[in-house]
Amino acid sequence: MSTCPFFNICGGCEFDFFSKDYFQKKESLLPKLDYTHDAIWGEKGQRRRAEFAFNESHFGFFKKHSKDIVDVVNCCNLLPEINEIVPKIAKLPWNGSGNVLITLCANGISVSVISILPVYSAQFKEAVKKLPANI
């Protein structure tokens, strides 16, 4: 049974119902490549990257098979460091619509905004200055 309250609503993750060893089994099927990185898949709560969608009234993930946005500011599959800052980013005064890619890197959290419309109003720039320094 799924542990995510957004499972089958949000289009982000479709693997919440698998057994705990699913990802290890799947990884064992991959050809052994010379990677110096950790496993491609991780345990629940170990995703270090997520792409959120926004418009002027919503921030979250796209609804499954739709361009509607499901308001999500906490994802049980993300690292706690990301979940800690997502509500702060969601509260920014977004203009227009687009995507926000949030990644935990070795030197902090990277936030990339992708939009065809300018989102950087004076109010937005002031709000960004108030975000934690590690972003």
Protein backbone atom coordinates (compact mmCIF):
# COMPACT_ATOMS: atom_id res chain seq x y z
CA MET A 1 0.00 0.00 0.00
CA SER A 2 1.25 3.48 -0.83
CA THR A 3 2.60 5.73 1.92
CA CYS A 4 2.38 8.96 -0.08
CA PRO A 5 -0.80 11.04 0.27
CA PHE A 6 -0.40 12.20 -3.34
CA PHE A 7 0.15 8.75 -4.84
CA ASN A 8 -1.86 8.25 -8.04
CA ILE A 9 -2.80 11.97 -8.04
CA CYS A 10 0.61 13.54 -8.55
CA GLY A 11 2.41 12.53 -11.72
CA GLY A 12 5.83 12.64 -10.04
CA CYS A 13 6.38 9.14 -8.69
CA GLU A 14 4.70 5.93 -9.69
CA PHE A 15 6.84 3.53 -7.66
CA ASP A 16 5.68 4.18 -4.11
CA PHE A 17 3.89 0.85 -3.93
CA PHE A 18 6.93 -1.35 -4.62
CA SER A 19 8.65 -3.39 -1.94
CA LYS A 20 11.60 -1.89 -0.07
CA ASP A 21 14.12 -3.95 -2.06
CA TYR A 22 12.62 -3.10 -5.47
CA PHE A 23 15.26 -0.52 -6.36
CA GLN A 24 18.14 -2.79 -5.33
CA LYS A 25 16.73 -5.58 -7.49
CA LYS A 26 16.28 -3.21 -10.44
CA GLU A 27 19.81 -1.88 -10.02
CA SER A 28 21.20 -5.44 -10.12
CA LEU A 29 19.67 -5.84 -13.61
CA LEU A 30 21.71 -2.94 -15.00
CA PRO A 31 25.00 -3.66 -16.70
CA LYS A 32 27.90 -3.04 -14.37
CA LEU A 33 29.22 0.35 -15.44
CA ASP A 34 32.26 2.12 -14.10
CA TYR A 35 30.45 4.74 -12.03
CA THR A 36 31.98 6.42 -9.04
CA HIS A 37 28.57 7.66 -7.90
CA ASP A 38 26.09 6.06 -5.54
CA ALA A 39 23.16 3.97 -6.73
CA ILE A 40 20.95 5.39 -9.45
CA TRP A 41 17.83 4.73 -7.35
CA GLY A 42 17.59 5.36 -3.66
CA GLU A 43 15.42 4.48 -0.73
CA LYS A 44 12.29 6.43 0.11
CA GLY A 45 13.24 9.90 1.28
CA GLN A 46 16.52 9.87 -0.65
CA ARG A 47 15.74 11.76 -3.88
CA ARG A 48 18.15 14.67 -4.13
CA ARG A 49 16.40 16.38 -7.03
CA ALA A 50 12.87 17.32 -7.98
CA GLU A 51 11.26 19.45 -10.65
CA PHE A 52 8.27 21.45 -9.44
CA ALA A 53 5.79 23.39 -11.55
CA PHE A 54 4.37 26.80 -10.70
CA ASN A 55 1.88 29.37 -11.82
CA GLU A 56 0.60 32.45 -10.03
CA SER A 57 -1.61 30.43 -7.68
CA HIS A 58 -0.05 26.93 -7.44
CA PHE A 59 3.32 25.33 -6.67
CA GLY A 60 3.85 21.57 -6.78
CA PHE A 61 3.91 18.69 -9.21
CA PHE A 62 1.83 18.19 -12.33
CA LYS A 63 -1.26 16.10 -11.82
CA LYS A 64 -0.95 12.67 -13.42
CA HIS A 65 -1.64 12.89 -17.19
CA SER A 66 -2.40 16.61 -16.93
CA LYS A 67 -0.88 20.08 -16.88
CA ASP A 68 -2.87 20.96 -13.74
CA ILE A 69 -0.66 21.50 -10.70
CA VAL A 70 -1.14 19.54 -7.48
CA ASP A 71 0.00 21.75 -4.60
CA VAL A 72 2.84 19.82 -2.95
CA VAL A 73 5.31 21.40 -0.54
CA ASN A 74 6.51 18.18 1.10
CA CYS A 75 7.33 14.96 -0.73
CA CYS A 76 8.05 11.75 1.19
CA ASN A 77 10.55 10.72 -1.51
CA LEU A 78 12.78 13.81 -1.20
CA LEU A 79 15.71 14.36 1.12
CA PRO A 80 14.83 16.31 4.28
CA GLU A 81 17.14 19.16 3.21
CA ILE A 82 15.00 19.74 0.13
CA ASN A 83 11.69 19.33 1.94
CA GLU A 84 12.86 21.95 4.43
CA ILE A 85 13.20 24.67 1.78
CA VAL A 86 10.37 23.77 -0.61
CA PRO A 87 7.67 25.61 1.43
CA LYS A 88 9.85 28.76 1.38
CA ILE A 89 10.30 28.55 -2.38
CA ALA A 90 6.61 27.79 -2.90
CA LYS A 91 5.69 31.00 -1.05
CA LEU A 92 7.70 33.22 -3.39
CA PRO A 93 5.54 35.70 -5.34
CA TRP A 94 5.59 33.77 -8.61
CA ASN A 95 4.54 35.55 -11.82
CA GLY A 96 3.59 33.64 -14.94
CA SER A 97 4.26 29.92 -15.02
CA GLY A 98 7.20 27.57 -15.35
CA ASN A 99 9.30 24.95 -13.62
CA VAL A 100 11.66 25.00 -10.65
CA LEU A 101 14.39 22.38 -10.47
CA ILE A 102 15.71 21.91 -6.92
CA THR A 103 18.87 19.83 -6.46
CA LEU A 104 20.94 19.07 -3.37
CA CYS A 105 24.58 19.47 -4.42
CA ALA A 106 27.81 19.01 -2.48
CA ASN A 107 28.04 22.79 -1.89
CA GLY A 108 24.37 23.44 -1.02
CA ILE A 109 21.03 23.54 -2.75
CA SER A 110 20.74 24.61 -6.37
CA VAL A 111 17.48 26.17 -7.54
CA SER A 112 16.93 26.70 -11.27
CA VAL A 113 13.88 28.52 -12.60
CA ILE A 114 12.68 27.85 -16.14
CA SER A 115 9.96 30.08 -17.55
CA ILE A 116 9.11 31.67 -20.88
CA LEU A 117 7.73 34.69 -19.03
CA PRO A 118 9.80 36.88 -16.72
CA VAL A 119 9.18 35.95 -13.08
CA TYR A 120 11.67 38.34 -11.53
CA SER A 121 9.61 41.29 -10.29
CA ALA A 122 11.03 43.65 -7.65
CA GLN A 123 8.83 41.90 -5.08
CA PHE A 124 10.19 38.49 -6.18
CA LYS A 125 13.82 39.67 -5.93
CA GLU A 126 13.23 40.98 -2.38
CA ALA A 127 11.61 37.69 -1.35
CA VAL A 128 14.54 35.68 -2.76
CA LYS A 129 16.99 37.69 -0.63
CA LYS A 130 15.22 36.31 2.46
CA LEU A 131 15.81 32.65 1.52
CA PRO A 132 18.47 30.67 3.46
CA ALA A 133 22.07 31.38 2.46
CA ASN A 134 22.80 27.80 1.31
CA ILE A 135 20.45 28.15 -1.68
